[in-house]
Amino acid sequence: MDKEHFDSFNELRKQSYIFLKEYRENFVKIVLNKHGVKYHEGLSRREKADLFDKFIVGIVKDSNRGLDMIYKEGNLIGWWNRDIDLFFRKGRLMCRIDYKIFK
């Protein structure tokens, strides 16, 4: 985001979550490809569902712990923290995202 004007922090936060959604999608793609599931953005919903069924993949949103967890064949292969910290450092909007990819 280069030099945009926002009237409130809420507008800025909404705009930043658009970018964070893309990062989350890329994270899911990286984790699944690392574990042998050929996932890419061009898949339709039906193709994604078929692929997830074939490899027994599930994405579970745990609202109590604030995590999105990715499972393959019942084993946790990665997680992404949904509680993202937004802050300013030297006039730039920064965010902190916690994640973990298992082997």
PDB file of N, CA and C in Angstrom:
ATOM      1  N   MET A   1       0.857  -1.175   0.000  1.00  0.00           N
ATOM      2  CA  MET A   1       0.000   0.000   0.000  1.00  0.00           C
ATOM      3  C   MET A   1       0.897   1.231   0.000  1.00  0.00           C
ATOM      4  N   ASP A   2       0.913   1.935  -1.079  1.00  0.00           N
ATOM      5  CA  ASP A   2       1.733   3.131  -1.185  1.00  0.00           C
ATOM      6  C   ASP A   2       0.902   4.386  -0.994  1.00  0.00           C
ATOM      7  N   LYS A   3       1.211   5.139   0.022  1.00  0.00           N
ATOM      8  CA  LYS A   3       0.683   6.470   0.278  1.00  0.00           C
ATOM      9  C   LYS A   3      -0.789   6.634  -0.050  1.00  0.00           C
ATOM     10  N   GLU A   4      -1.610   5.978   0.717  1.00  0.00           N
ATOM     11  CA  GLU A   4      -3.051   6.151   0.614  1.00  0.00           C
ATOM     12  C   GLU A   4      -3.526   6.917   1.834  1.00  0.00           C
ATOM     13  N   HIS A   5      -4.614   7.635   1.672  1.00  0.00           N
ATOM     14  CA  HIS A   5      -5.179   8.413   2.773  1.00  0.00           C
ATOM     15  C   HIS A   5      -6.409   7.694   3.320  1.00  0.00           C
ATOM     16  N   PHE A   6      -6.451   7.534   4.627  1.00  0.00           N
ATOM     17  CA  PHE A   6      -7.583   6.905   5.302  1.00  0.00           C
ATOM     18  C   PHE A   6      -8.098   7.853   6.364  1.00  0.00           C
ATOM     19  N   ASP A   7      -9.418   7.926   6.478  1.00  0.00           N
ATOM     20  CA  ASP A   7     -10.030   8.817   7.467  1.00  0.00           C
ATOM     21  C   ASP A   7      -9.995   8.246   8.875  1.00  0.00           C
ATOM     22  N   SER A   8      -9.896   6.931   8.978  1.00  0.00           N
ATOM     23  CA  SER A   8      -9.854   6.319  10.303  1.00  0.00           C
ATOM     24  C   SER A   8      -8.977   5.078  10.263  1.00  0.00           C
ATOM     25  N   PHE A   9      -8.575   4.646  11.441  1.00  0.00           N
ATOM     26  CA  PHE A   9      -7.760   3.433  11.533  1.00  0.00           C
ATOM     27  C   PHE A   9      -8.562   2.213  11.100  1.00  0.00           C
ATOM     28  N   ASN A  10      -9.877   2.230  11.315  1.00  0.00           N
ATOM     29  CA  ASN A  10     -10.704   1.094  10.896  1.00  0.00           C
ATOM     30  C   ASN A  10     -10.664   0.906   9.383  1.00  0.00           C
ATOM     31  N   GLU A  11     -10.679   1.990   8.618  1.00  0.00           N
ATOM     32  CA  GLU A  11     -10.581   1.891   7.159  1.00  0.00           C
ATOM     33  C   GLU A  11      -9.229   1.311   6.756  1.00  0.00           C
ATOM     34  N   LEU A  12      -8.185   1.750   7.423  1.00  0.00           N
ATOM     35  CA  LEU A  12      -6.846   1.238   7.153  1.00  0.00           C
ATOM     36  C   LEU A  12      -6.762  -0.248   7.467  1.00  0.00           C
ATOM     37  N   ARG A  13      -7.342  -0.638   8.570  1.00  0.00           N
ATOM     38  CA  ARG A  13      -7.328  -2.038   8.969  1.00  0.00           C
ATOM     39  C   ARG A  13      -8.095  -2.905   7.972  1.00  0.00           C
ATOM     40  N   LYS A  14      -9.256  -2.440   7.515  1.00  0.00           N
ATOM     41  CA  LYS A  14     -10.033  -3.189   6.524  1.00  0.00           C
ATOM     42  C   LYS A  14      -9.238  -3.391   5.242  1.00  0.00           C
ATOM     43  N   GLN A  15      -8.569  -2.353   4.789  1.00  0.00           N
ATOM     44  CA  GLN A  15      -7.766  -2.450   3.568  1.00  0.00           C
ATOM     45  C   GLN A  15      -6.601  -3.416   3.752  1.00  0.00           C
ATOM     46  N   SER A  16      -5.977  -3.397   4.921  1.00  0.00           N
ATOM     47  CA  SER A  16      -4.844  -4.293   5.160  1.00  0.00           C
ATOM     48  C   SER A  16      -5.283  -5.747   5.204  1.00  0.00           C
ATOM     49  N   TYR A  17      -6.505  -6.033   5.680  1.00  0.00           N
ATOM     50  CA  TYR A  17      -6.973  -7.415   5.740  1.00  0.00           C
ATOM     51  C   TYR A  17      -7.202  -8.003   4.347  1.00  0.00           C
ATOM     52  N   ILE A  18      -7.427  -7.160   3.352  1.00  0.00           N
ATOM     53  CA  ILE A  18      -7.520  -7.649   1.968  1.00  0.00           C
ATOM     54  C   ILE A  18      -6.191  -8.266   1.555  1.00  0.00           C
ATOM     55  N   PHE A  19      -5.088  -7.595   1.889  1.00  0.00           N
ATOM     56  CA  PHE A  19      -3.763  -8.117   1.573  1.00  0.00           C
ATOM     57  C   PHE A  19      -3.431  -9.348   2.413  1.00  0.00           C
ATOM     58  N   LEU A  20      -3.826  -9.324   3.676  1.00  0.00           N
ATOM     59  CA  LEU A  20      -3.539 -10.460   4.554  1.00  0.00           C
ATOM     60  C   LEU A  20      -4.272 -11.720   4.101  1.00  0.00           C
ATOM     61  N   LYS A  21      -5.445 -11.568   3.515  1.00  0.00           N
ATOM     62  CA  LYS A  21      -6.183 -12.722   3.003  1.00  0.00           C
ATOM     63  C   LYS A  21      -5.385 -13.398   1.890  1.00  0.00           C
ATOM     64  N   GLU A  22      -4.755 -12.596   1.028  1.00  0.00           N
ATOM     65  CA  GLU A  22      -3.927 -13.153  -0.042  1.00  0.00           C
ATOM     66  C   GLU A  22      -2.723 -13.883   0.534  1.00  0.00           C
ATOM     67  N   TYR A  23      -2.100 -13.331   1.573  1.00  0.00           N
ATOM     68  CA  TYR A  23      -0.967 -13.998   2.224  1.00  0.00           C
ATOM     69  C   TYR A  23      -1.400 -15.334   2.837  1.00  0.00           C
ATOM     70  N   ARG A  24      -2.577 -15.366   3.425  1.00  0.00           N
ATOM     71  CA  ARG A  24      -3.070 -16.614   4.017  1.00  0.00           C
ATOM     72  C   ARG A  24      -3.283 -17.667   2.939  1.00  0.00           C
ATOM     73  N   GLU A  25      -3.855 -17.277   1.824  1.00  0.00           N
ATOM     74  CA  GLU A  25      -4.048 -18.221   0.714  1.00  0.00           C
ATOM     75  C   GLU A  25      -2.714 -18.771   0.221  1.00  0.00           C
ATOM     76  N   ASN A  26      -1.709 -17.913   0.122  1.00  0.00           N
ATOM     77  CA  ASN A  26      -0.378 -18.371  -0.292  1.00  0.00           C
ATOM     78  C   ASN A  26       0.236 -19.295   0.746  1.00  0.00           C
ATOM     79  N   PHE A  27      -0.004 -19.016   2.021  1.00  0.00           N
ATOM     80  CA  PHE A  27       0.494 -19.877   3.090  1.00  0.00           C
ATOM     81  C   PHE A  27      -0.098 -21.279   2.965  1.00  0.00           C
ATOM     82  N   VAL A  28      -1.412 -21.353   2.749  1.00  0.00           N
ATOM     83  CA  VAL A  28      -2.081 -22.652   2.586  1.00  0.00           C
ATOM     84  C   VAL A  28      -1.497 -23.380   1.379  1.00  0.00           C
ATOM     85  N   LYS A  29      -1.295 -22.664   0.293  1.00  0.00           N
ATOM     86  CA  LYS A  29      -0.730 -23.261  -0.918  1.00  0.00           C
ATOM     87  C   LYS A  29       0.663 -23.820  -0.655  1.00  0.00           C
ATOM     88  N   ILE A  30       1.508 -23.068   0.032  1.00  0.00           N
ATOM     89  CA  ILE A  30       2.877 -23.505   0.329  1.00  0.00           C
ATOM     90  C   ILE A  30       2.873 -24.749   1.210  1.00  0.00           C
ATOM     91  N   VAL A  31       2.052 -24.739   2.264  1.00  0.00           N
ATOM     92  CA  VAL A  31       2.002 -25.877   3.190  1.00  0.00           C
ATOM     93  C   VAL A  31       1.522 -27.136   2.467  1.00  0.00           C
ATOM     94  N   LEU A  32       0.463 -27.012   1.690  1.00  0.00           N
ATOM     95  CA  LEU A  32      -0.072 -28.187   1.001  1.00  0.00           C
ATOM     96  C   LEU A  32       0.891 -28.711  -0.053  1.00  0.00           C
ATOM     97  N   ASN A  33       1.513 -27.823  -0.819  1.00  0.00           N
ATOM     98  CA  ASN A  33       2.479 -28.266  -1.828  1.00  0.00           C
ATOM     99  C   ASN A  33       3.683 -28.932  -1.189  1.00  0.00           C
ATOM    100  N   LYS A  34       4.095 -28.442  -0.022  1.00  0.00           N
ATOM    101  CA  LYS A  34       5.219 -29.051   0.686  1.00  0.00           C
ATOM    102  C   LYS A  34       4.896 -30.483   1.111  1.00  0.00           C
ATOM    103  N   HIS A  35       3.625 -30.746   1.362  1.00  0.00           N
ATOM    104  CA  HIS A  35       3.201 -32.076   1.808  1.00  0.00           C
ATOM    105  C   HIS A  35       2.605 -32.915   0.679  1.00  0.00           C
ATOM    106  N   GLY A  36       2.896 -32.549  -0.569  1.00  0.00           N
ATOM    107  CA  GLY A  36       2.527 -33.388  -1.706  1.00  0.00           C
ATOM    108  C   GLY A  36       1.146 -33.186  -2.278  1.00  0.00           C
ATOM    109  N   VAL A  37       0.441 -32.157  -1.854  1.00  0.00           N
ATOM    110  CA  VAL A  37      -0.886 -31.858  -2.396  1.00  0.00           C
ATOM    111  C   VAL A  37      -0.712 -30.732  -3.409  1.00  0.00           C
ATOM    112  N   LYS A  38      -0.991 -30.992  -4.676  1.00  0.00           N
ATOM    113  CA  LYS A  38      -0.781 -30.014  -5.753  1.00  0.00           C
ATOM    114  C   LYS A  38      -1.918 -29.000  -5.785  1.00  0.00           C
ATOM    115  N   TYR A  39      -1.839 -28.023  -4.911  1.00  0.00           N
ATOM    116  CA  TYR A  39      -2.862 -26.988  -4.760  1.00  0.00           C
ATOM    117  C   TYR A  39      -2.391 -25.725  -5.460  1.00  0.00           C
ATOM    118  N   HIS A  40      -3.282 -25.093  -6.239  1.00  0.00           N
ATOM    119  CA  HIS A  40      -2.955 -23.806  -6.855  1.00  0.00           C
ATOM    120  C   HIS A  40      -4.210 -22.945  -6.908  1.00  0.00           C
ATOM    121  N   GLU A  41      -4.024 -21.650  -7.159  1.00  0.00           N
ATOM    122  CA  GLU A  41      -5.133 -20.702  -7.063  1.00  0.00           C
ATOM    123  C   GLU A  41      -6.189 -20.878  -8.149  1.00  0.00           C
ATOM    124  N   GLY A  42      -5.839 -21.491  -9.271  1.00  0.00           N
ATOM    125  CA  GLY A  42      -6.770 -21.626 -10.377  1.00  0.00           C
ATOM    126  C   GLY A  42      -7.846 -22.682 -10.192  1.00  0.00           C
ATOM    127  N   LEU A  43      -7.828 -23.388  -9.085  1.00  0.00           N
ATOM    128  CA  LEU A  43      -8.814 -24.452  -8.847  1.00  0.00           C
ATOM    129  C   LEU A  43     -10.178 -23.865  -8.515  1.00  0.00           C
ATOM    130  N   SER A  44     -11.214 -24.507  -9.037  1.00  0.00           N
ATOM    131  CA  SER A  44     -12.572 -24.111  -8.668  1.00  0.00           C
ATOM    132  C   SER A  44     -12.893 -24.689  -7.288  1.00  0.00           C
ATOM    133  N   ARG A  45     -14.016 -24.275  -6.728  1.00  0.00           N
ATOM    134  CA  ARG A  45     -14.412 -24.800  -5.413  1.00  0.00           C
ATOM    135  C   ARG A  45     -14.576 -26.305  -5.440  1.00  0.00           C
ATOM    136  N   ARG A  46     -15.181 -26.786  -6.491  1.00  0.00           N
ATOM    137  CA  ARG A  46     -15.406 -28.235  -6.625  1.00  0.00           C
ATOM    138  C   ARG A  46     -14.081 -28.980  -6.728  1.00  0.00           C
ATOM    139  N   GLU A  47     -13.139 -28.447  -7.508  1.00  0.00           N
ATOM    140  CA  GLU A  47     -11.825 -29.082  -7.655  1.00  0.00           C
ATOM    141  C   GLU A  47     -11.062 -29.072  -6.334  1.00  0.00           C
ATOM    142  N   LYS A  48     -11.183 -27.971  -5.582  1.00  0.00           N
ATOM    143  CA  LYS A  48     -10.540 -27.909  -4.264  1.00  0.00           C
ATOM    144  C   LYS A  48     -11.128 -28.965  -3.329  1.00  0.00           C
ATOM    145  N   ALA A  49     -12.453 -29.073  -3.331  1.00  0.00           N
ATOM    146  CA  ALA A  49     -13.113 -30.051  -2.469  1.00  0.00           C
ATOM    147  C   ALA A  49     -12.700 -31.466  -2.845  1.00  0.00           C
ATOM    148  N   ASP A  50     -12.632 -31.761  -4.150  1.00  0.00           N
ATOM    149  CA  ASP A  50     -12.201 -33.089  -4.596  1.00  0.00           C
ATOM    150  C   ASP A  50     -10.756 -33.362  -4.197  1.00  0.00           C
ATOM    151  N   LEU A  51      -9.897 -32.351  -4.346  1.00  0.00           N
ATOM    152  CA  LEU A  51      -8.493 -32.501  -3.977  1.00  0.00           C
ATOM    153  C   LEU A  51      -8.350 -32.749  -2.479  1.00  0.00           C
ATOM    154  N   PHE A  52      -9.088 -31.984  -1.671  1.00  0.00           N
ATOM    155  CA  PHE A  52      -9.033 -32.152  -0.217  1.00  0.00           C
ATOM    156  C   PHE A  52      -9.563 -33.527   0.188  1.00  0.00           C
ATOM    157  N   ASP A  53     -10.609 -34.007  -0.477  1.00  0.00           N
ATOM    158  CA  ASP A  53     -11.131 -35.340  -0.179  1.00  0.00           C
ATOM    159  C   ASP A  53     -10.131 -36.424  -0.556  1.00  0.00           C
ATOM    160  N   LYS A  54      -9.472 -36.247  -1.687  1.00  0.00           N
ATOM    161  CA  LYS A  54      -8.514 -37.247  -2.164  1.00  0.00           C
ATOM    162  C   LYS A  54      -7.354 -37.412  -1.187  1.00  0.00           C
ATOM    163  N   PHE A  55      -6.833 -36.295  -0.672  1.00  0.00           N
ATOM    164  CA  PHE A  55      -5.676 -36.340   0.222  1.00  0.00           C
ATOM    165  C   PHE A  55      -6.068 -36.247   1.700  1.00  0.00           C
ATOM    166  N   ILE A  56      -7.363 -36.254   1.990  1.00  0.00           N
ATOM    167  CA  ILE A  56      -7.897 -36.151   3.350  1.00  0.00           C
ATOM    168  C   ILE A  56      -7.301 -34.922   4.055  1.00  0.00           C
ATOM    169  N   VAL A  57      -7.538 -33.759   3.438  1.00  0.00           N
ATOM    170  CA  VAL A  57      -7.046 -32.476   3.945  1.00  0.00           C
ATOM    171  C   VAL A  57      -8.212 -31.708   4.540  1.00  0.00           C
ATOM    172  N   GLY A  58      -7.964 -31.053   5.659  1.00  0.00           N
ATOM    173  CA  GLY A  58      -8.974 -30.216   6.287  1.00  0.00           C
ATOM    174  C   GLY A  58      -8.357 -28.964   6.860  1.00  0.00           C
ATOM    175  N   ILE A  59      -9.081 -27.853   6.762  1.00  0.00           N
ATOM    176  CA  ILE A  59      -8.657 -26.601   7.382  1.00  0.00           C
ATOM    177  C   ILE A  59      -9.673 -26.290   8.470  1.00  0.00           C
ATOM    178  N   VAL A  60      -9.201 -26.281   9.704  1.00  0.00           N
ATOM    179  CA  VAL A  60     -10.063 -26.088  10.866  1.00  0.00           C
ATOM    180  C   VAL A  60      -9.782 -24.719  11.460  1.00  0.00           C
ATOM    181  N   LYS A  61     -10.849 -23.940  11.667  1.00  0.00           N
ATOM    182  CA  LYS A  61     -10.729 -22.626  12.290  1.00  0.00           C
ATOM    183  C   LYS A  61     -11.083 -22.760  13.759  1.00  0.00           C
ATOM    184  N   ASP A  62     -10.079 -22.662  14.617  1.00  0.00           N
ATOM    185  CA  ASP A  62     -10.267 -22.776  16.061  1.00  0.00           C
ATOM    186  C   ASP A  62     -10.389 -21.364  16.627  1.00  0.00           C
ATOM    187  N   SER A  63     -11.610 -20.912  16.875  1.00  0.00           N
ATOM    188  CA  SER A  63     -11.817 -19.550  17.347  1.00  0.00           C
ATOM    189  C   SER A  63     -11.389 -19.364  18.805  1.00  0.00           C
ATOM    190  N   ASN A  64     -11.362 -20.424  19.591  1.00  0.00           N
ATOM    191  CA  ASN A  64     -10.923 -20.304  20.986  1.00  0.00           C
ATOM    192  C   ASN A  64      -9.444 -19.950  21.072  1.00  0.00           C
ATOM    193  N   ARG A  65      -8.626 -20.600  20.258  1.00  0.00           N
ATOM    194  CA  ARG A  65      -7.180 -20.332  20.264  1.00  0.00           C
ATOM    195  C   ARG A  65      -6.773 -19.324  19.204  1.00  0.00           C
ATOM    196  N   GLY A  66      -7.690 -18.945  18.312  1.00  0.00           N
ATOM    197  CA  GLY A  66      -7.389 -17.962  17.275  1.00  0.00           C
ATOM    198  C   GLY A  66      -6.478 -18.505  16.189  1.00  0.00           C
ATOM    199  N   LEU A  67      -6.640 -19.777  15.822  1.00  0.00           N
ATOM    200  CA  LEU A  67      -5.774 -20.410  14.836  1.00  0.00           C
ATOM    201  C   LEU A  67      -6.584 -20.994  13.690  1.00  0.00           C
ATOM    202  N   ASP A  68      -5.978 -20.990  12.503  1.00  0.00           N
ATOM    203  CA  ASP A  68      -6.447 -21.796  11.381  1.00  0.00           C
ATOM    204  C   ASP A  68      -5.455 -22.937  11.274  1.00  0.00           C
ATOM    205  N   MET A  69      -5.931 -24.166  11.440  1.00  0.00           N
ATOM    206  CA  MET A  69      -5.043 -25.324  11.435  1.00  0.00           C
ATOM    207  C   MET A  69      -5.298 -26.159  10.188  1.00  0.00           C
ATOM    208  N   ILE A  70      -4.210 -26.604   9.563  1.00  0.00           N
ATOM    209  CA  ILE A  70      -4.293 -27.413   8.352  1.00  0.00           C
ATOM    210  C   ILE A  70      -3.903 -28.838   8.710  1.00  0.00           C
ATOM    211  N   TYR A  71      -4.804 -29.765   8.406  1.00  0.00           N
ATOM    212  CA  TYR A  71      -4.576 -31.181   8.692  1.00  0.00           C
ATOM    213  C   TYR A  71      -4.510 -31.964   7.383  1.00  0.00           C
ATOM    214  N   LYS A  72      -3.642 -32.965   7.356  1.00  0.00           N
ATOM    215  CA  LYS A  72      -3.592 -33.916   6.246  1.00  0.00           C
ATOM    216  C   LYS A  72      -3.587 -35.303   6.864  1.00  0.00           C
ATOM    217  N   GLU A  73      -4.555 -36.095   6.488  1.00  0.00           N
ATOM    218  CA  GLU A  73      -4.715 -37.457   6.996  1.00  0.00           C
ATOM    219  C   GLU A  73      -4.738 -37.488   8.527  1.00  0.00           C
ATOM    220  N   GLY A  74      -5.355 -36.493   9.132  1.00  0.00           N
ATOM    221  CA  GLY A  74      -5.496 -36.441  10.577  1.00  0.00           C
ATOM    222  C   GLY A  74      -4.308 -35.871  11.322  1.00  0.00           C
ATOM    223  N   ASN A  75      -3.233 -35.530  10.616  1.00  0.00           N
ATOM    224  CA  ASN A  75      -2.033 -34.972  11.251  1.00  0.00           C
ATOM    225  C   ASN A  75      -1.937 -33.476  10.979  1.00  0.00           C
ATOM    226  N   LEU A  76      -1.604 -32.728  12.014  1.00  0.00           N
ATOM    227  CA  LEU A  76      -1.434 -31.289  11.881  1.00  0.00           C
ATOM    228  C   LEU A  76      -0.170 -31.011  11.070  1.00  0.00           C
ATOM    229  N   ILE A  77      -0.313 -30.280   9.945  1.00  0.00           N
ATOM    230  CA  ILE A  77       0.853 -29.972   9.109  1.00  0.00           C
ATOM    231  C   ILE A  77       1.197 -28.495   9.108  1.00  0.00           C
ATOM    232  N   GLY A  78       0.321 -27.656   9.659  1.00  0.00           N
ATOM    233  CA  GLY A  78       0.627 -26.229   9.745  1.00  0.00           C
ATOM    234  C   GLY A  78      -0.498 -25.468  10.412  1.00  0.00           C
ATOM    235  N   TRP A  79      -0.154 -24.294  10.949  1.00  0.00           N
ATOM    236  CA  TRP A  79      -1.174 -23.420  11.528  1.00  0.00           C
ATOM    237  C   TRP A  79      -0.802 -21.968  11.267  1.00  0.00           C
ATOM    238  N   TRP A  80      -1.829 -21.122  11.293  1.00  0.00           N
ATOM    239  CA  TRP A  80      -1.710 -19.690  11.037  1.00  0.00           C
ATOM    240  C   TRP A  80      -2.496 -18.977  12.110  1.00  0.00           C
ATOM    241  N   ASN A  81      -1.865 -18.007  12.798  1.00  0.00           N
ATOM    242  CA  ASN A  81      -2.527 -17.268  13.865  1.00  0.00           C
ATOM    243  C   ASN A  81      -3.479 -16.241  13.258  1.00  0.00           C
ATOM    244  N   ARG A  82      -4.736 -16.294  13.628  1.00  0.00           N
ATOM    245  CA  ARG A  82      -5.733 -15.362  13.097  1.00  0.00           C
ATOM    246  C   ARG A  82      -5.726 -14.029  13.829  1.00  0.00           C
ATOM    247  N   ASP A  83      -5.129 -13.950  15.002  1.00  0.00           N
ATOM    248  CA  ASP A  83      -5.055 -12.704  15.765  1.00  0.00           C
ATOM    249  C   ASP A  83      -3.811 -11.946  15.321  1.00  0.00           C
ATOM    250  N   ILE A  84      -3.971 -11.125  14.309  1.00  0.00           N
ATOM    251  CA  ILE A  84      -2.844 -10.431  13.686  1.00  0.00           C
ATOM    252  C   ILE A  84      -2.668  -9.074  14.349  1.00  0.00           C
ATOM    253  N   ASP A  85      -1.430  -8.764  14.722  1.00  0.00           N
ATOM    254  CA  ASP A  85      -1.109  -7.484  15.340  1.00  0.00           C
ATOM    255  C   ASP A  85      -0.733  -6.482  14.261  1.00  0.00           C
ATOM    256  N   LEU A  86      -1.454  -5.359  14.205  1.00  0.00           N
ATOM    257  CA  LEU A  86      -1.104  -4.258  13.316  1.00  0.00           C
ATOM    258  C   LEU A  86      -0.507  -3.144  14.156  1.00  0.00           C
ATOM    259  N   PHE A  87       0.610  -2.575  13.696  1.00  0.00           N
ATOM    260  CA  PHE A  87       1.255  -1.500  14.428  1.00  0.00           C
ATOM    261  C   PHE A  87       2.052  -0.644  13.452  1.00  0.00           C
ATOM    262  N   PHE A  88       2.433   0.530  13.911  1.00  0.00           N
ATOM    263  CA  PHE A  88       3.236   1.429  13.091  1.00  0.00           C
ATOM    264  C   PHE A  88       4.670   1.439  13.582  1.00  0.00           C
ATOM    265  N   ARG A  89       5.605   1.439  12.642  1.00  0.00           N
ATOM    266  CA  ARG A  89       7.015   1.561  12.965  1.00  0.00           C
ATOM    267  C   ARG A  89       7.637   2.491  11.921  1.00  0.00           C
ATOM    268  N   LYS A  90       8.167   3.620  12.400  1.00  0.00           N
ATOM    269  CA  LYS A  90       8.782   4.627  11.534  1.00  0.00           C
ATOM    270  C   LYS A  90       7.849   5.063  10.409  1.00  0.00           C
ATOM    271  N   GLY A  91       6.574   5.249  10.747  1.00  0.00           N
ATOM    272  CA  GLY A  91       5.600   5.734   9.793  1.00  0.00           C
ATOM    273  C   GLY A  91       5.057   4.695   8.830  1.00  0.00           C
ATOM    274  N   ARG A  92       5.418   3.438   9.007  1.00  0.00           N
ATOM    275  CA  ARG A  92       4.938   2.367   8.132  1.00  0.00           C
ATOM    276  C   ARG A  92       4.051   1.417   8.921  1.00  0.00           C
ATOM    277  N   LEU A  93       3.001   0.959   8.264  1.00  0.00           N
ATOM    278  CA  LEU A  93       2.124  -0.022   8.887  1.00  0.00           C
ATOM    279  C   LEU A  93       2.781  -1.389   8.802  1.00  0.00           C
ATOM    280  N   MET A  94       2.924  -2.029   9.922  1.00  0.00           N
ATOM    281  CA  MET A  94       3.540  -3.357   9.998  1.00  0.00           C
ATOM    282  C   MET A  94       2.517  -4.318  10.590  1.00  0.00           C
ATOM    283  N   CYS A  95       2.743  -5.593  10.344  1.00  0.00           N
ATOM    284  CA  CYS A  95       1.896  -6.598  10.976  1.00  0.00           C
ATOM    285  C   CYS A  95       2.764  -7.758  11.432  1.00  0.00           C
ATOM    286  N   ARG A  96       2.278  -8.435  12.433  1.00  0.00           N
ATOM    287  CA  ARG A  96       2.970  -9.604  12.948  1.00  0.00           C
ATOM    288  C   ARG A  96       2.025 -10.787  12.827  1.00  0.00           C
ATOM    289  N   ILE A  97       2.504 -11.810  12.125  1.00  0.00           N
ATOM    290  CA  ILE A  97       1.710 -13.008  11.898  1.00  0.00           C
ATOM    291  C   ILE A  97       2.519 -14.192  12.411  1.00  0.00           C
ATOM    292  N   ASP A  98       1.942 -14.960  13.294  1.00  0.00           N
ATOM    293  CA  ASP A  98       2.586 -16.170  13.788  1.00  0.00           C
ATOM    294  C   ASP A  98       2.078 -17.359  12.983  1.00  0.00           C
ATOM    295  N   TYR A  99       2.994 -18.236  12.590  1.00  0.00           N
ATOM    296  CA  TYR A  99       2.619 -19.428  11.848  1.00  0.00           C
ATOM    297  C   TYR A  99       3.638 -20.519  12.120  1.00  0.00           C
ATOM    298  N   LYS A 100       3.291 -21.739  11.750  1.00  0.00           N
ATOM    299  CA  LYS A 100       4.191 -22.873  11.929  1.00  0.00           C
ATOM    300  C   LYS A 100       3.876 -23.893  10.849  1.00  0.00           C
ATOM    301  N   ILE A 101       4.936 -24.406  10.222  1.00  0.00           N
ATOM    302  CA  ILE A 101       4.811 -25.473   9.230  1.00  0.00           C
ATOM    303  C   ILE A 101       5.543 -26.681   9.770  1.00  0.00           C
ATOM    304  N   PHE A 102       4.861 -27.810   9.843  1.00  0.00           N
ATOM    305  CA  PHE A 102       5.473 -29.039  10.354  1.00  0.00           C
ATOM    306  C   PHE A 102       5.961 -29.894   9.205  1.00  0.00           C
ATOM    307  N   LYS A 103       6.985 -30.699   9.479  1.00  0.00           N
ATOM    308  CA  LYS A 103       7.569 -31.571   8.452  1.00  0.00           C
ATOM    309  C   LYS A 103       6.779 -32.829   8.284  1.00  0.00           C
TER     310      LYS A 103
END
